[in-house]
Amino acid sequence: MSARYFPDLEQPFVTVGDGSVRRKLRAHGPSLMMVEVFFEAGGSAPEHAHPHEQATVCLEGRFEFAAEGRSLAMGPGDSIHVPGGVPHSVRCLERGRMLDAFTPPREDFLN
């Protein structure tokens, strides 16, 4: 398999929910996907679960991330790992961005 390049300007934004959250697909391949998620203050991803393993790093802003009955404050540089199938949610307290990595890739994000 060859390396693939994903120019920023060729990656469209996808608006999620009420418009306070947008995501942009970053690099992805057969077993890994990265997605940058942009949040306005008050934006959220309600509790959900998926079979994909997820690692998230906060790039900027302030967030409340909840998983397994715990609520965690996240700021720039903080990261979390969520195993597949574990319910989790995030709420943006201060406008910011997060970078999510999924394995396997989220096919629903590719369609």
Protein backbone atom coordinates (compact mmCIF):
# COMPACT_ATOMS: atom_id res chain seq x y z
CA MET A 1 0.00 0.00 0.00
CA SER A 2 1.25 3.47 -0.86
CA ALA A 3 1.28 6.47 1.45
CA ARG A 4 -1.73 8.73 0.94
CA TYR A 5 -1.81 12.51 1.31
CA PHE A 6 -4.89 14.37 2.55
CA PRO A 7 -4.62 18.14 1.77
CA ASP A 8 -6.55 20.23 4.29
CA LEU A 9 -8.42 22.24 1.65
CA GLU A 10 -9.76 19.06 0.05
CA GLN A 11 -11.29 17.80 3.29
CA PRO A 12 -14.84 19.16 3.76
CA PHE A 13 -16.40 20.03 7.08
CA VAL A 14 -19.35 17.92 8.19
CA THR A 15 -21.77 19.69 10.51
CA VAL A 16 -23.10 17.56 13.34
CA GLY A 17 -26.34 18.07 15.27
CA ASP A 18 -27.36 21.69 15.84
CA GLY A 19 -24.30 23.12 14.07
CA SER A 20 -22.20 23.74 17.18
CA VAL A 21 -19.99 20.77 16.27
CA ARG A 22 -18.20 20.21 12.96
CA ARG A 23 -15.77 17.49 12.01
CA LYS A 24 -13.15 17.12 9.32
CA LEU A 25 -11.81 13.77 8.23
CA ARG A 26 -8.04 13.70 8.36
CA ALA A 27 -5.76 10.83 7.36
CA HIS A 28 -7.28 7.36 7.15
CA GLY A 29 -6.43 3.92 5.86
CA PRO A 30 -7.64 0.35 6.14
CA SER A 31 -7.14 0.08 9.91
CA LEU A 32 -6.91 3.65 11.31
CA MET A 33 -8.75 6.96 10.98
CA MET A 34 -8.12 10.46 12.37
CA VAL A 35 -10.89 13.03 12.67
CA GLU A 36 -10.53 16.64 13.85
CA VAL A 37 -13.61 17.87 15.69
CA PHE A 38 -14.36 21.59 16.11
CA PHE A 39 -16.67 22.66 18.95
CA GLU A 40 -18.38 25.92 19.78
CA ALA A 41 -18.90 26.53 23.51
CA GLY A 42 -21.89 24.45 24.58
CA GLY A 43 -21.50 22.00 21.69
CA SER A 44 -21.66 18.36 22.63
CA ALA A 45 -21.61 14.77 21.52
CA PRO A 46 -24.37 13.10 23.58
CA GLU A 47 -23.67 9.74 25.16
CA HIS A 48 -23.03 7.10 22.54
CA ALA A 49 -21.01 3.94 22.01
CA HIS A 50 -19.47 2.34 18.94
CA PRO A 51 -17.41 -0.79 18.35
CA HIS A 52 -14.34 1.27 17.41
CA GLU A 53 -11.45 1.80 19.79
CA GLN A 54 -10.94 5.57 20.21
CA ALA A 55 -8.09 7.78 21.38
CA THR A 56 -8.74 11.50 21.74
CA VAL A 57 -6.42 14.42 22.43
CA CYS A 58 -7.62 17.93 23.25
CA LEU A 59 -5.89 20.41 20.94
CA GLU A 60 -7.46 23.58 22.36
CA GLY A 61 -10.38 24.67 24.54
CA ARG A 62 -11.93 23.12 27.63
CA PHE A 63 -14.14 20.04 27.72
CA GLU A 64 -16.01 17.74 30.05
CA PHE A 65 -15.56 14.15 28.85
CA ALA A 66 -17.64 11.44 30.49
CA ALA A 67 -17.03 7.69 30.31
CA GLU A 68 -17.82 4.74 32.57
CA GLY A 69 -19.64 6.92 35.09
CA ARG A 70 -16.72 9.35 35.47
CA SER A 71 -16.62 12.95 34.35
CA LEU A 72 -13.18 14.25 33.40
CA ALA A 73 -12.05 17.82 32.73
CA MET A 74 -9.93 18.02 29.58
CA GLY A 75 -7.76 20.86 28.36
CA PRO A 76 -5.01 21.28 25.77
CA GLY A 77 -2.66 18.29 25.72
CA ASP A 78 -4.93 16.00 27.75
CA SER A 79 -5.88 12.71 26.13
CA ILE A 80 -8.12 9.72 26.76
CA HIS A 81 -8.50 6.18 25.44
CA VAL A 82 -11.99 4.67 25.11
CA PRO A 83 -12.28 0.95 24.35
CA GLY A 84 -14.85 -0.13 21.78
CA GLY A 85 -18.38 -0.47 23.15
CA VAL A 86 -17.89 1.88 26.12
CA PRO A 87 -20.56 4.62 26.36
CA HIS A 88 -19.04 8.13 26.41
CA SER A 89 -19.94 11.77 25.81
CA VAL A 90 -18.26 15.15 25.58
CA ARG A 91 -19.42 18.70 26.28
CA CYS A 92 -17.48 21.79 25.23
CA LEU A 93 -17.03 24.38 27.98
CA GLU A 94 -14.80 26.74 25.99
CA ARG A 95 -14.56 26.77 22.19
CA GLY A 96 -12.01 24.22 21.08
CA ARG A 97 -10.82 21.29 18.98
CA MET A 98 -10.19 17.62 19.59
CA LEU A 99 -8.39 15.05 17.47
CA ASP A 100 -9.95 11.58 17.48
CA ALA A 101 -8.27 8.41 16.24
CA PHE A 102 -10.39 5.33 15.55
CA THR A 103 -9.54 1.74 14.82
CA PRO A 104 -10.98 0.26 12.78
CA PRO A 105 -12.01 3.33 10.74
CA ARG A 106 -15.53 4.70 11.17
CA GLU A 107 -17.18 3.59 7.94
CA ASP A 108 -20.17 5.80 8.83
CA PHE A 109 -17.86 8.84 8.58
CA LEU A 110 -16.74 7.83 5.09
CA ASN A 111 -20.26 7.79 3.61
